[in-house]
Amino acid sequence: MRDKFNKNNQYIYEAEVIESSTIDSNLIFKILIKAGRSIAKPALEVLEMSIDPSTPTQVRISLIAAIAYLIMPLDLFPDFMPLVGFSDDFVALTAVLSIWNKYMTPAIRIKAEKKLNQLFPF
């Protein structure tokens, strides 16, 4: 295959246009549902853990504070700063994961799974 250039010696890229009739909309819908489930599952597990009566109060507060910090647009170190930008987010994420590992129970997972199935039916 030979490279193609225009008269100004610029490379010409070739592209193929896909007709919308060749795209399976059901496949795209299934991919979006699977992606939504993947994102929603840990969020629902954290929610269930934070409202579960067996979770200690200080753990609930720590969990909610760490999640709120991750969601908030303002950080201690703005994300655009080299090297330190994501370090504060990393600390908050590490806190959430350590709490998650210690206090996640099968009952909480089951409750989250039931809510997930209501939001994203198969």
PDB file of N, CA and C in Angstrom:
ATOM      1  N   MET A   1       0.837  -1.167   0.000  1.00  0.00           N
ATOM      2  CA  MET A   1       0.000   0.000   0.000  1.00  0.00           C
ATOM      3  C   MET A   1       0.890   1.240   0.000  1.00  0.00           C
ATOM      4  N   ARG A   2       0.582   2.147  -0.826  1.00  0.00           N
ATOM      5  CA  ARG A   2       1.386   3.343  -0.993  1.00  0.00           C
ATOM      6  C   ARG A   2       0.775   4.512  -0.239  1.00  0.00           C
ATOM      7  N   ASP A   3       1.626   5.308   0.424  1.00  0.00           N
ATOM      8  CA  ASP A   3       1.146   6.490   1.123  1.00  0.00           C
ATOM      9  C   ASP A   3       0.698   7.527   0.099  1.00  0.00           C
ATOM     10  N   LYS A   4      -0.366   8.262   0.455  1.00  0.00           N
ATOM     11  CA  LYS A   4      -0.903   9.275  -0.445  1.00  0.00           C
ATOM     12  C   LYS A   4      -0.683  10.655   0.168  1.00  0.00           C
ATOM     13  N   PHE A   5      -0.249  11.585  -0.687  1.00  0.00           N
ATOM     14  CA  PHE A   5      -0.020  12.959  -0.274  1.00  0.00           C
ATOM     15  C   PHE A   5      -0.716  13.900  -1.249  1.00  0.00           C
ATOM     16  N   ASN A   6      -1.152  15.074  -0.786  1.00  0.00           N
ATOM     17  CA  ASN A   6      -1.751  16.064  -1.690  1.00  0.00           C
ATOM     18  C   ASN A   6      -0.648  16.922  -2.297  1.00  0.00           C
ATOM     19  N   LYS A   7      -1.060  17.933  -3.054  1.00  0.00           N
ATOM     20  CA  LYS A   7      -0.067  18.759  -3.755  1.00  0.00           C
ATOM     21  C   LYS A   7       0.803  19.573  -2.809  1.00  0.00           C
ATOM     22  N   ASN A   8       0.351  19.789  -1.549  1.00  0.00           N
ATOM     23  CA  ASN A   8       1.163  20.515  -0.564  1.00  0.00           C
ATOM     24  C   ASN A   8       2.006  19.562   0.272  1.00  0.00           C
ATOM     25  N   ASN A   9       2.111  18.331  -0.170  1.00  0.00           N
ATOM     26  CA  ASN A   9       2.893  17.287   0.489  1.00  0.00           C
ATOM     27  C   ASN A   9       2.370  16.960   1.898  1.00  0.00           C
ATOM     28  N   GLN A  10       1.033  17.075   2.075  1.00  0.00           N
ATOM     29  CA  GLN A  10       0.401  16.698   3.329  1.00  0.00           C
ATOM     30  C   GLN A  10      -0.211  15.304   3.162  1.00  0.00           C
ATOM     31  N   TYR A  11      -0.105  14.515   4.201  1.00  0.00           N
ATOM     32  CA  TYR A  11      -0.604  13.145   4.154  1.00  0.00           C
ATOM     33  C   TYR A  11      -2.131  13.138   4.041  1.00  0.00           C
ATOM     34  N   ILE A  12      -2.655  12.287   3.191  1.00  0.00           N
ATOM     35  CA  ILE A  12      -4.101  12.138   3.019  1.00  0.00           C
ATOM     36  C   ILE A  12      -4.541  10.893   3.780  1.00  0.00           C
ATOM     37  N   TYR A  13      -5.451  11.081   4.711  1.00  0.00           N
ATOM     38  CA  TYR A  13      -5.975   9.964   5.484  1.00  0.00           C
ATOM     39  C   TYR A  13      -7.222   9.419   4.805  1.00  0.00           C
ATOM     40  N   GLU A  14      -7.331   8.105   4.795  1.00  0.00           N
ATOM     41  CA  GLU A  14      -8.524   7.485   4.241  1.00  0.00           C
ATOM     42  C   GLU A  14      -9.414   7.031   5.384  1.00  0.00           C
ATOM     43  N   ALA A  15     -10.711   7.198   5.199  1.00  0.00           N
ATOM     44  CA  ALA A  15     -11.673   6.788   6.215  1.00  0.00           C
ATOM     45  C   ALA A  15     -12.860   6.117   5.546  1.00  0.00           C
ATOM     46  N   GLU A  16     -13.457   5.202   6.267  1.00  0.00           N
ATOM     47  CA  GLU A  16     -14.640   4.523   5.760  1.00  0.00           C
ATOM     48  C   GLU A  16     -15.821   4.959   6.613  1.00  0.00           C
ATOM     49  N   VAL A  17     -16.888   5.359   5.979  1.00  0.00           N
ATOM     50  CA  VAL A  17     -18.085   5.800   6.680  1.00  0.00           C
ATOM     51  C   VAL A  17     -18.978   4.589   6.896  1.00  0.00           C
ATOM     52  N   ILE A  18     -19.418   4.418   8.124  1.00  0.00           N
ATOM     53  CA  ILE A  18     -20.310   3.307   8.447  1.00  0.00           C
ATOM     54  C   ILE A  18     -21.733   3.831   8.431  1.00  0.00           C
ATOM     55  N   GLU A  19     -22.590   3.145   7.713  1.00  0.00           N
ATOM     56  CA  GLU A  19     -23.990   3.539   7.662  1.00  0.00           C
ATOM     57  C   GLU A  19     -24.674   3.164   8.968  1.00  0.00           C
ATOM     58  N   SER A  20     -25.612   3.972   9.383  1.00  0.00           N
ATOM     59  CA  SER A  20     -26.295   3.704  10.646  1.00  0.00           C
ATOM     60  C   SER A  20     -27.074   2.399  10.616  1.00  0.00           C
ATOM     61  N   SER A  21     -27.422   1.931   9.438  1.00  0.00           N
ATOM     62  CA  SER A  21     -28.169   0.678   9.359  1.00  0.00           C
ATOM     63  C   SER A  21     -27.294  -0.532   9.686  1.00  0.00           C
ATOM     64  N   THR A  22     -25.972  -0.376   9.645  1.00  0.00           N
ATOM     65  CA  THR A  22     -25.083  -1.501   9.952  1.00  0.00           C
ATOM     66  C   THR A  22     -24.766  -1.601  11.432  1.00  0.00           C
ATOM     67  N   ILE A  23     -25.122  -0.570  12.215  1.00  0.00           N
ATOM     68  CA  ILE A  23     -24.853  -0.584  13.653  1.00  0.00           C
ATOM     69  C   ILE A  23     -26.044  -1.200  14.378  1.00  0.00           C
ATOM     70  N   ASP A  24     -25.770  -2.190  15.194  1.00  0.00           N
ATOM     71  CA  ASP A  24     -26.812  -2.857  15.955  1.00  0.00           C
ATOM     72  C   ASP A  24     -27.110  -2.032  17.206  1.00  0.00           C
ATOM     73  N   SER A  25     -28.248  -1.357  17.221  1.00  0.00           N
ATOM     74  CA  SER A  25     -28.584  -0.494  18.355  1.00  0.00           C
ATOM     75  C   SER A  25     -28.793  -1.305  19.628  1.00  0.00           C
ATOM     76  N   ASN A  26     -29.238  -2.546  19.516  1.00  0.00           N
ATOM     77  CA  ASN A  26     -29.392  -3.394  20.705  1.00  0.00           C
ATOM     78  C   ASN A  26     -28.044  -3.669  21.356  1.00  0.00           C
ATOM     79  N   LEU A  27     -27.010  -3.860  20.545  1.00  0.00           N
ATOM     80  CA  LEU A  27     -25.669  -4.102  21.068  1.00  0.00           C
ATOM     81  C   LEU A  27     -25.172  -2.873  21.824  1.00  0.00           C
ATOM     82  N   ILE A  28     -25.371  -1.711  21.257  1.00  0.00           N
ATOM     83  CA  ILE A  28     -24.952  -0.469  21.915  1.00  0.00           C
ATOM     84  C   ILE A  28     -25.706  -0.296  23.225  1.00  0.00           C
ATOM     85  N   PHE A  29     -27.013  -0.584  23.222  1.00  0.00           N
ATOM     86  CA  PHE A  29     -27.821  -0.480  24.429  1.00  0.00           C
ATOM     87  C   PHE A  29     -27.318  -1.447  25.502  1.00  0.00           C
ATOM     88  N   LYS A  30     -26.975  -2.658  25.118  1.00  0.00           N
ATOM     89  CA  LYS A  30     -26.451  -3.650  26.070  1.00  0.00           C
ATOM     90  C   LYS A  30     -25.115  -3.198  26.657  1.00  0.00           C
ATOM     91  N   ILE A  31     -24.266  -2.616  25.837  1.00  0.00           N
ATOM     92  CA  ILE A  31     -22.969  -2.113  26.313  1.00  0.00           C
ATOM     93  C   ILE A  31     -23.177  -0.982  27.309  1.00  0.00           C
ATOM     94  N   LEU A  32     -24.105  -0.074  27.007  1.00  0.00           N
ATOM     95  CA  LEU A  32     -24.382   1.045  27.911  1.00  0.00           C
ATOM     96  C   LEU A  32     -24.953   0.555  29.246  1.00  0.00           C
ATOM     97  N   ILE A  33     -25.817  -0.443  29.196  1.00  0.00           N
ATOM     98  CA  ILE A  33     -26.374  -0.993  30.438  1.00  0.00           C
ATOM     99  C   ILE A  33     -25.272  -1.648  31.261  1.00  0.00           C
ATOM    100  N   LYS A  34     -24.400  -2.410  30.604  1.00  0.00           N
ATOM    101  CA  LYS A  34     -23.304  -3.062  31.331  1.00  0.00           C
ATOM    102  C   LYS A  34     -22.368  -2.023  31.944  1.00  0.00           C
ATOM    103  N   ALA A  35     -22.068  -0.979  31.203  1.00  0.00           N
ATOM    104  CA  ALA A  35     -21.207   0.092  31.738  1.00  0.00           C
ATOM    105  C   ALA A  35     -21.885   0.788  32.903  1.00  0.00           C
ATOM    106  N   GLY A  36     -23.172   1.055  32.784  1.00  0.00           N
ATOM    107  CA  GLY A  36     -23.914   1.687  33.864  1.00  0.00           C
ATOM    108  C   GLY A  36     -23.928   0.835  35.118  1.00  0.00           C
ATOM    109  N   ARG A  37     -24.118  -0.472  34.945  1.00  0.00           N
ATOM    110  CA  ARG A  37     -24.103  -1.391  36.084  1.00  0.00           C
ATOM    111  C   ARG A  37     -22.723  -1.399  36.738  1.00  0.00           C
ATOM    112  N   SER A  38     -21.677  -1.397  35.932  1.00  0.00           N
ATOM    113  CA  SER A  38     -20.306  -1.431  36.467  1.00  0.00           C
ATOM    114  C   SER A  38     -19.992  -0.196  37.301  1.00  0.00           C
ATOM    115  N   ILE A  39     -20.505   0.939  36.877  1.00  0.00           N
ATOM    116  CA  ILE A  39     -20.254   2.178  37.607  1.00  0.00           C
ATOM    117  C   ILE A  39     -21.160   2.275  38.832  1.00  0.00           C
ATOM    118  N   ALA A  40     -22.409   1.856  38.685  1.00  0.00           N
ATOM    119  CA  ALA A  40     -23.387   2.002  39.765  1.00  0.00           C
ATOM    120  C   ALA A  40     -23.168   1.012  40.906  1.00  0.00           C
ATOM    121  N   LYS A  41     -22.630  -0.156  40.622  1.00  0.00           N
ATOM    122  CA  LYS A  41     -22.497  -1.182  41.662  1.00  0.00           C
ATOM    123  C   LYS A  41     -21.668  -0.720  42.865  1.00  0.00           C
ATOM    124  N   PRO A  42     -20.431  -0.239  42.682  1.00  0.00           N
ATOM    125  CA  PRO A  42     -19.677   0.211  43.865  1.00  0.00           C
ATOM    126  C   PRO A  42     -20.319   1.414  44.545  1.00  0.00           C
ATOM    127  N   ALA A  43     -20.953   2.284  43.773  1.00  0.00           N
ATOM    128  CA  ALA A  43     -21.618   3.440  44.374  1.00  0.00           C
ATOM    129  C   ALA A  43     -22.773   2.989  45.267  1.00  0.00           C
ATOM    130  N   LEU A  44     -23.540   2.008  44.810  1.00  0.00           N
ATOM    131  CA  LEU A  44     -24.644   1.500  45.620  1.00  0.00           C
ATOM    132  C   LEU A  44     -24.139   0.740  46.845  1.00  0.00           C
ATOM    133  N   GLU A  45     -23.018   0.050  46.703  1.00  0.00           N
ATOM    134  CA  GLU A  45     -22.441  -0.653  47.851  1.00  0.00           C
ATOM    135  C   GLU A  45     -21.997   0.343  48.929  1.00  0.00           C
ATOM    136  N   VAL A  46     -21.388   1.434  48.511  1.00  0.00           N
ATOM    137  CA  VAL A  46     -20.966   2.465  49.464  1.00  0.00           C
ATOM    138  C   VAL A  46     -22.200   3.099  50.114  1.00  0.00           C
ATOM    139  N   LEU A  47     -23.227   3.358  49.324  1.00  0.00           N
ATOM    140  CA  LEU A  47     -24.460   3.919  49.869  1.00  0.00           C
ATOM    141  C   LEU A  47     -25.066   2.979  50.906  1.00  0.00           C
ATOM    142  N   GLU A  48     -25.168   1.704  50.562  1.00  0.00           N
ATOM    143  CA  GLU A  48     -25.732   0.721  51.495  1.00  0.00           C
ATOM    144  C   GLU A  48     -24.882   0.601  52.764  1.00  0.00           C
ATOM    145  N   MET A  49     -23.578   0.646  52.610  1.00  0.00           N
ATOM    146  CA  MET A  49     -22.695   0.569  53.771  1.00  0.00           C
ATOM    147  C   MET A  49     -22.891   1.781  54.676  1.00  0.00           C
ATOM    148  N   SER A  50     -23.071   2.947  54.067  1.00  0.00           N
ATOM    149  CA  SER A  50     -23.209   4.160  54.866  1.00  0.00           C
ATOM    150  C   SER A  50     -24.555   4.257  55.580  1.00  0.00           C
ATOM    151  N   ILE A  51     -25.580   3.553  55.105  1.00  0.00           N
ATOM    152  CA  ILE A  51     -26.881   3.596  55.781  1.00  0.00           C
ATOM    153  C   ILE A  51     -27.159   2.334  56.589  1.00  0.00           C
ATOM    154  N   ASP A  52     -26.281   1.351  56.504  1.00  0.00           N
ATOM    155  CA  ASP A  52     -26.481   0.105  57.256  1.00  0.00           C
ATOM    156  C   ASP A  52     -26.292   0.370  58.756  1.00  0.00           C
ATOM    157  N   PRO A  53     -27.242  -0.079  59.585  1.00  0.00           N
ATOM    158  CA  PRO A  53     -27.134   0.178  61.026  1.00  0.00           C
ATOM    159  C   PRO A  53     -25.938  -0.491  61.692  1.00  0.00           C
ATOM    160  N   SER A  54     -25.410  -1.539  61.091  1.00  0.00           N
ATOM    161  CA  SER A  54     -24.257  -2.223  61.696  1.00  0.00           C
ATOM    162  C   SER A  54     -22.936  -1.499  61.444  1.00  0.00           C
ATOM    163  N   THR A  55     -22.935  -0.536  60.533  1.00  0.00           N
ATOM    164  CA  THR A  55     -21.730   0.243  60.264  1.00  0.00           C
ATOM    165  C   THR A  55     -21.577   1.291  61.366  1.00  0.00           C
ATOM    166  N   PRO A  56     -20.419   1.315  62.045  1.00  0.00           N
ATOM    167  CA  PRO A  56     -20.216   2.302  63.119  1.00  0.00           C
ATOM    168  C   PRO A  56     -20.352   3.740  62.606  1.00  0.00           C
ATOM    169  N   THR A  57     -20.839   4.612  63.458  1.00  0.00           N
ATOM    170  CA  THR A  57     -21.100   6.006  63.086  1.00  0.00           C
ATOM    171  C   THR A  57     -19.851   6.710  62.560  1.00  0.00           C
ATOM    172  N   GLN A  58     -18.719   6.535  63.235  1.00  0.00           N
ATOM    173  CA  GLN A  58     -17.505   7.224  62.769  1.00  0.00           C
ATOM    174  C   GLN A  58     -17.055   6.699  61.408  1.00  0.00           C
ATOM    175  N   VAL A  59     -17.325   5.431  61.125  1.00  0.00           N
ATOM    176  CA  VAL A  59     -16.993   4.864  59.806  1.00  0.00           C
ATOM    177  C   VAL A  59     -17.901   5.473  58.746  1.00  0.00           C
ATOM    178  N   ARG A  60     -19.179   5.613  59.063  1.00  0.00           N
ATOM    179  CA  ARG A  60     -20.122   6.247  58.122  1.00  0.00           C
ATOM    180  C   ARG A  60     -19.679   7.662  57.792  1.00  0.00           C
ATOM    181  N   ILE A  61     -19.317   8.424  58.817  1.00  0.00           N
ATOM    182  CA  ILE A  61     -18.889   9.808  58.613  1.00  0.00           C
ATOM    183  C   ILE A  61     -17.624   9.855  57.757  1.00  0.00           C
ATOM    184  N   SER A  62     -16.665   8.978  58.059  1.00  0.00           N
ATOM    185  CA  SER A  62     -15.417   8.935  57.277  1.00  0.00           C
ATOM    186  C   SER A  62     -15.695   8.559  55.830  1.00  0.00           C
ATOM    187  N   LEU A  63     -16.563   7.596  55.637  1.00  0.00           N
ATOM    188  CA  LEU A  63     -16.899   7.134  54.295  1.00  0.00           C
ATOM    189  C   LEU A  63     -17.571   8.244  53.487  1.00  0.00           C
ATOM    190  N   ILE A  64     -18.546   8.880  54.071  1.00  0.00           N
ATOM    191  CA  ILE A  64     -19.262   9.956  53.379  1.00  0.00           C
ATOM    192  C   ILE A  64     -18.337  11.143  53.112  1.00  0.00           C
ATOM    193  N   ALA A  65     -17.479  11.467  54.071  1.00  0.00           N
ATOM    194  CA  ALA A  65     -16.540  12.585  53.880  1.00  0.00           C
ATOM    195  C   ALA A  65     -15.560  12.292  52.751  1.00  0.00           C
ATOM    196  N   ALA A  66     -15.034  11.070  52.699  1.00  0.00           N
ATOM    197  CA  ALA A  66     -14.083  10.708  51.641  1.00  0.00           C
ATOM    198  C   ALA A  66     -14.752  10.725  50.273  1.00  0.00           C
ATOM    199  N   ILE A  67     -15.958  10.179  50.175  1.00  0.00           N
ATOM    200  CA  ILE A  67     -16.682  10.181  48.895  1.00  0.00           C
ATOM    201  C   ILE A  67     -17.017  11.615  48.482  1.00  0.00           C
ATOM    202  N   ALA A  68     -17.462  12.428  49.431  1.00  0.00           N
ATOM    203  CA  ALA A  68     -17.779  13.826  49.122  1.00  0.00           C
ATOM    204  C   ALA A  68     -16.529  14.559  48.617  1.00  0.00           C
ATOM    205  N   TYR A  69     -15.384  14.293  49.232  1.00  0.00           N
ATOM    206  CA  TYR A  69     -14.141  14.937  48.802  1.00  0.00           C
ATOM    207  C   TYR A  69     -13.781  14.531  47.374  1.00  0.00           C
ATOM    208  N   LEU A  70     -13.995  13.253  47.049  1.00  0.00           N
ATOM    209  CA  LEU A  70     -13.691  12.786  45.691  1.00  0.00           C
ATOM    210  C   LEU A  70     -14.614  13.419  44.654  1.00  0.00           C
ATOM    211  N   ILE A  71     -15.851  13.672  45.043  1.00  0.00           N
ATOM    212  CA  ILE A  71     -16.836  14.217  44.106  1.00  0.00           C
ATOM    213  C   ILE A  71     -16.702  15.733  43.948  1.00  0.00           C
ATOM    214  N   MET A  72     -16.310  16.411  45.014  1.00  0.00           N
ATOM    215  CA  MET A  72     -16.240  17.876  44.979  1.00  0.00           C
ATOM    216  C   MET A  72     -15.239  18.375  43.933  1.00  0.00           C
ATOM    217  N   PRO A  73     -15.589  19.462  43.238  1.00  0.00           N
ATOM    218  CA  PRO A  73     -14.667  19.989  42.224  1.00  0.00           C
ATOM    219  C   PRO A  73     -13.447  20.700  42.817  1.00  0.00           C
ATOM    220  N   LEU A  74     -13.549  21.157  44.064  1.00  0.00           N
ATOM    221  CA  LEU A  74     -12.426  21.845  44.695  1.00  0.00           C
ATOM    222  C   LEU A  74     -11.616  20.847  45.515  1.00  0.00           C
ATOM    223  N   ASP A  75     -10.317  20.880  45.352  1.00  0.00           N
ATOM    224  CA  ASP A  75      -9.417  19.969  46.054  1.00  0.00           C
ATOM    225  C   ASP A  75      -8.412  20.762  46.874  1.00  0.00           C
ATOM    226  N   LEU A  76      -7.765  20.053  47.788  1.00  0.00           N
ATOM    227  CA  LEU A  76      -6.661  20.644  48.529  1.00  0.00           C
ATOM    228  C   LEU A  76      -5.551  21.014  47.552  1.00  0.00           C
ATOM    229  N   PHE A  77      -5.244  20.085  46.647  1.00  0.00           N
ATOM    230  CA  PHE A  77      -4.296  20.331  45.556  1.00  0.00           C
ATOM    231  C   PHE A  77      -5.059  20.160  44.252  1.00  0.00           C
ATOM    232  N   PRO A  78      -5.208  21.211  43.443  1.00  0.00           N
ATOM    233  CA  PRO A  78      -5.923  21.074  42.171  1.00  0.00           C
ATOM    234  C   PRO A  78      -5.304  19.983  41.295  1.00  0.00           C
ATOM    235  N   ASP A  79      -6.159  19.258  40.578  1.00  0.00           N
ATOM    236  CA  ASP A  79      -5.711  18.113  39.798  1.00  0.00           C
ATOM    237  C   ASP A  79      -4.724  18.469  38.691  1.00  0.00           C
ATOM    238  N   PHE A  80      -4.715  19.711  38.238  1.00  0.00           N
ATOM    239  CA  PHE A  80      -3.804  20.081  37.155  1.00  0.00           C
ATOM    240  C   PHE A  80      -2.352  20.273  37.630  1.00  0.00           C
ATOM    241  N   MET A  81      -2.129  20.286  38.960  1.00  0.00           N
ATOM    242  CA  MET A  81      -0.769  20.467  39.476  1.00  0.00           C
ATOM    243  C   MET A  81       0.038  19.189  39.269  1.00  0.00           C
ATOM    244  N   PRO A  82       1.224  19.300  38.657  1.00  0.00           N
ATOM    245  CA  PRO A  82       2.036  18.102  38.421  1.00  0.00           C
ATOM    246  C   PRO A  82       2.441  17.425  39.737  1.00  0.00           C
ATOM    247  N   LEU A  83       2.467  16.150  39.723  1.00  0.00           N
ATOM    248  CA  LEU A  83       2.881  15.274  40.821  1.00  0.00           C
ATOM    249  C   LEU A  83       1.930  15.270  42.019  1.00  0.00           C
ATOM    250  N   VAL A  84       1.503  16.415  42.511  1.00  0.00           N
ATOM    251  CA  VAL A  84       0.666  16.441  43.712  1.00  0.00           C
ATOM    252  C   VAL A  84      -0.825  16.557  43.404  1.00  0.00           C
ATOM    253  N   GLY A  85      -1.172  16.814  42.157  1.00  0.00           N
ATOM    254  CA  GLY A  85      -2.557  17.073  41.786  1.00  0.00           C
ATOM    255  C   GLY A  85      -3.534  15.986  42.172  1.00  0.00           C
ATOM    256  N   PHE A  86      -3.140  14.741  41.974  1.00  0.00           N
ATOM    257  CA  PHE A  86      -4.042  13.635  42.295  1.00  0.00           C
ATOM    258  C   PHE A  86      -3.681  12.956  43.608  1.00  0.00           C
ATOM    259  N   SER A  87      -2.660  13.437  44.301  1.00  0.00           N
ATOM    260  CA  SER A  87      -2.236  12.784  45.543  1.00  0.00           C
ATOM    261  C   SER A  87      -3.305  12.860  46.623  1.00  0.00           C
ATOM    262  N   ASP A  88      -3.986  13.994  46.731  1.00  0.00           N
ATOM    263  CA  ASP A  88      -5.038  14.111  47.740  1.00  0.00           C
ATOM    264  C   ASP A  88      -6.229  13.219  47.403  1.00  0.00           C
ATOM    265  N   ASP A  89      -6.545  13.106  46.111  1.00  0.00           N
ATOM    266  CA  ASP A  89      -7.617  12.193  45.695  1.00  0.00           C
ATOM    267  C   ASP A  89      -7.225  10.750  45.986  1.00  0.00           C
ATOM    268  N   PHE A  90      -5.961  10.445  45.807  1.00  0.00           N
ATOM    269  CA  PHE A  90      -5.469   9.098  46.071  1.00  0.00           C
ATOM    270  C   PHE A  90      -5.616   8.747  47.552  1.00  0.00           C
ATOM    271  N   VAL A  91      -5.332   9.696  48.421  1.00  0.00           N
ATOM    272  CA  VAL A  91      -5.485   9.474  49.865  1.00  0.00           C
ATOM    273  C   VAL A  91      -6.955   9.226  50.207  1.00  0.00           C
ATOM    274  N   ALA A  92      -7.851  10.018  49.647  1.00  0.00           N
ATOM    275  CA  ALA A  92      -9.287   9.835  49.907  1.00  0.00           C
ATOM    276  C   ALA A  92      -9.767   8.486  49.375  1.00  0.00           C
ATOM    277  N   LEU A  93      -9.316   8.117  48.188  1.00  0.00           N
ATOM    278  CA  LEU A  93      -9.691   6.832  47.606  1.00  0.00           C
ATOM    279  C   LEU A  93      -9.153   5.675  48.434  1.00  0.00           C
ATOM    280  N   THR A  94      -7.941   5.801  48.926  1.00  0.00           N
ATOM    281  CA  THR A  94      -7.354   4.769  49.783  1.00  0.00           C
ATOM    282  C   THR A  94      -8.168   4.616  51.065  1.00  0.00           C
ATOM    283  N   ALA A  95      -8.624   5.722  51.623  1.00  0.00           N
ATOM    284  CA  ALA A  95      -9.463   5.672  52.831  1.00  0.00           C
ATOM    285  C   ALA A  95     -10.765   4.932  52.549  1.00  0.00           C
ATOM    286  N   VAL A  96     -11.390   5.244  51.419  1.00  0.00           N
ATOM    287  CA  VAL A  96     -12.645   4.569  51.060  1.00  0.00           C
ATOM    288  C   VAL A  96     -12.416   3.071  50.888  1.00  0.00           C
ATOM    289  N   LEU A  97     -11.351   2.708  50.198  1.00  0.00           N
ATOM    290  CA  LEU A  97     -11.087   1.281  49.957  1.00  0.00           C
ATOM    291  C   LEU A  97     -10.767   0.527  51.242  1.00  0.00           C
ATOM    292  N   SER A  98     -10.046   1.150  52.154  1.00  0.00           N
ATOM    293  CA  SER A  98      -9.733   0.467  53.406  1.00  0.00           C
ATOM    294  C   SER A  98     -10.997   0.274  54.246  1.00  0.00           C
ATOM    295  N   ILE A  99     -11.857   1.282  54.277  1.00  0.00           N
ATOM    296  CA  ILE A  99     -13.134   1.153  54.982  1.00  0.00           C
ATOM    297  C   ILE A  99     -13.988   0.082  54.312  1.00  0.00           C
ATOM    298  N   TRP A 100     -14.008   0.110  52.988  1.00  0.00           N
ATOM    299  CA  TRP A 100     -14.795  -0.838  52.205  1.00  0.00           C
ATOM    300  C   TRP A 100     -14.381  -2.265  52.535  1.00  0.00           C
ATOM    301  N   ASN A 101     -13.097  -2.522  52.516  1.00  0.00           N
ATOM    302  CA  ASN A 101     -12.605  -3.877  52.780  1.00  0.00           C
ATOM    303  C   ASN A 101     -12.925  -4.355  54.192  1.00  0.00           C
ATOM    304  N   LYS A 102     -12.912  -3.444  55.135  1.00  0.00           N
ATOM    305  CA  LYS A 102     -13.103  -3.836  56.531  1.00  0.00           C
ATOM    306  C   LYS A 102     -14.577  -4.027  56.897  1.00  0.00           C
ATOM    307  N   TYR A 103     -15.469  -3.205  56.345  1.00  0.00           N
ATOM    308  CA  TYR A 103     -16.861  -3.194  56.786  1.00  0.00           C
ATOM    309  C   TYR A 103     -17.867  -3.714  55.761  1.00  0.00           C
ATOM    310  N   MET A 104     -17.436  -4.105  54.570  1.00  0.00           N
ATOM    311  CA  MET A 104     -18.357  -4.635  53.574  1.00  0.00           C
ATOM    312  C   MET A 104     -18.795  -6.040  53.998  1.00  0.00           C
ATOM    313  N   THR A 105     -20.098  -6.254  54.031  1.00  0.00           N
ATOM    314  CA  THR A 105     -20.636  -7.561  54.425  1.00  0.00           C
ATOM    315  C   THR A 105     -21.429  -8.146  53.265  1.00  0.00           C
ATOM    316  N   PRO A 106     -21.646  -9.453  53.284  1.00  0.00           N
ATOM    317  CA  PRO A 106     -22.488 -10.054  52.237  1.00  0.00           C
ATOM    318  C   PRO A 106     -23.901  -9.458  52.206  1.00  0.00           C
ATOM    319  N   ALA A 107     -24.451  -9.128  53.380  1.00  0.00           N
ATOM    320  CA  ALA A 107     -25.797  -8.542  53.435  1.00  0.00           C
ATOM    321  C   ALA A 107     -25.839  -7.192  52.707  1.00  0.00           C
ATOM    322  N   ILE A 108     -24.804  -6.385  52.885  1.00  0.00           N
ATOM    323  CA  ILE A 108     -24.742  -5.083  52.209  1.00  0.00           C
ATOM    324  C   ILE A 108     -24.638  -5.293  50.699  1.00  0.00           C
ATOM    325  N   ARG A 109     -23.826  -6.248  50.290  1.00  0.00           N
ATOM    326  CA  ARG A 109     -23.686  -6.542  48.847  1.00  0.00           C
ATOM    327  C   ARG A 109     -25.014  -6.989  48.247  1.00  0.00           C
ATOM    328  N   ILE A 110     -25.766  -7.800  48.979  1.00  0.00           N
ATOM    329  CA  ILE A 110     -27.058  -8.288  48.487  1.00  0.00           C
ATOM    330  C   ILE A 110     -28.045  -7.133  48.338  1.00  0.00           C
ATOM    331  N   LYS A 111     -28.096  -6.238  49.337  1.00  0.00           N
ATOM    332  CA  LYS A 111     -28.984  -5.077  49.245  1.00  0.00           C
ATOM    333  C   LYS A 111     -28.621  -4.209  48.044  1.00  0.00           C
ATOM    334  N   ALA A 112     -27.329  -3.983  47.848  1.00  0.00           N
ATOM    335  CA  ALA A 112     -26.871  -3.164  46.718  1.00  0.00           C
ATOM    336  C   ALA A 112     -27.216  -3.846  45.392  1.00  0.00           C
ATOM    337  N   GLU A 113     -27.059  -5.158  45.329  1.00  0.00           N
ATOM    338  CA  GLU A 113     -27.368  -5.910  44.105  1.00  0.00           C
ATOM    339  C   GLU A 113     -28.858  -5.818  43.770  1.00  0.00           C
ATOM    340  N   LYS A 114     -29.717  -5.876  44.786  1.00  0.00           N
ATOM    341  CA  LYS A 114     -31.167  -5.742  44.556  1.00  0.00           C
ATOM    342  C   LYS A 114     -31.495  -4.368  43.976  1.00  0.00           C
ATOM    343  N   LYS A 115     -30.893  -3.327  44.532  1.00  0.00           N
ATOM    344  CA  LYS A 115     -31.123  -1.968  43.999  1.00  0.00           C
ATOM    345  C   LYS A 115     -30.564  -1.842  42.589  1.00  0.00           C
ATOM    346  N   LEU A 116     -29.411  -2.460  42.357  1.00  0.00           N
ATOM    347  CA  LEU A 116     -28.800  -2.429  41.027  1.00  0.00           C
ATOM    348  C   LEU A 116     -29.717  -3.085  40.000  1.00  0.00           C
ATOM    349  N   ASN A 117     -30.314  -4.212  40.365  1.00  0.00           N
ATOM    350  CA  ASN A 117     -31.214  -4.918  39.450  1.00  0.00           C
ATOM    351  C   ASN A 117     -32.493  -4.119  39.184  1.00  0.00           C
ATOM    352  N   GLN A 118     -32.921  -3.305  40.153  1.00  0.00           N
ATOM    353  CA  GLN A 118     -34.074  -2.445  39.926  1.00  0.00           C
ATOM    354  C   GLN A 118     -33.728  -1.315  38.963  1.00  0.00           C
ATOM    355  N   LEU A 119     -32.537  -0.755  39.129  1.00  0.00           N
ATOM    356  CA  LEU A 119     -32.115   0.345  38.262  1.00  0.00           C
ATOM    357  C   LEU A 119     -31.747  -0.114  36.855  1.00  0.00           C
ATOM    358  N   PHE A 120     -31.083  -1.274  36.789  1.00  0.00           N
ATOM    359  CA  PHE A 120     -30.603  -1.809  35.509  1.00  0.00           C
ATOM    360  C   PHE A 120     -31.095  -3.241  35.331  1.00  0.00           C
ATOM    361  N   PRO A 121     -32.352  -3.421  34.944  1.00  0.00           N
ATOM    362  CA  PRO A 121     -32.840  -4.793  34.750  1.00  0.00           C
ATOM    363  C   PRO A 121     -32.117  -5.460  33.574  1.00  0.00           C
ATOM    364  N   PHE A 122     -31.995  -6.753  33.666  1.00  0.00           N
ATOM    365  CA  PHE A 122     -31.260  -7.490  32.623  1.00  0.00           C
ATOM    366  C   PHE A 122     -31.967  -7.452  31.308  1.00  0.00           C
TER     367      PHE A 122
END
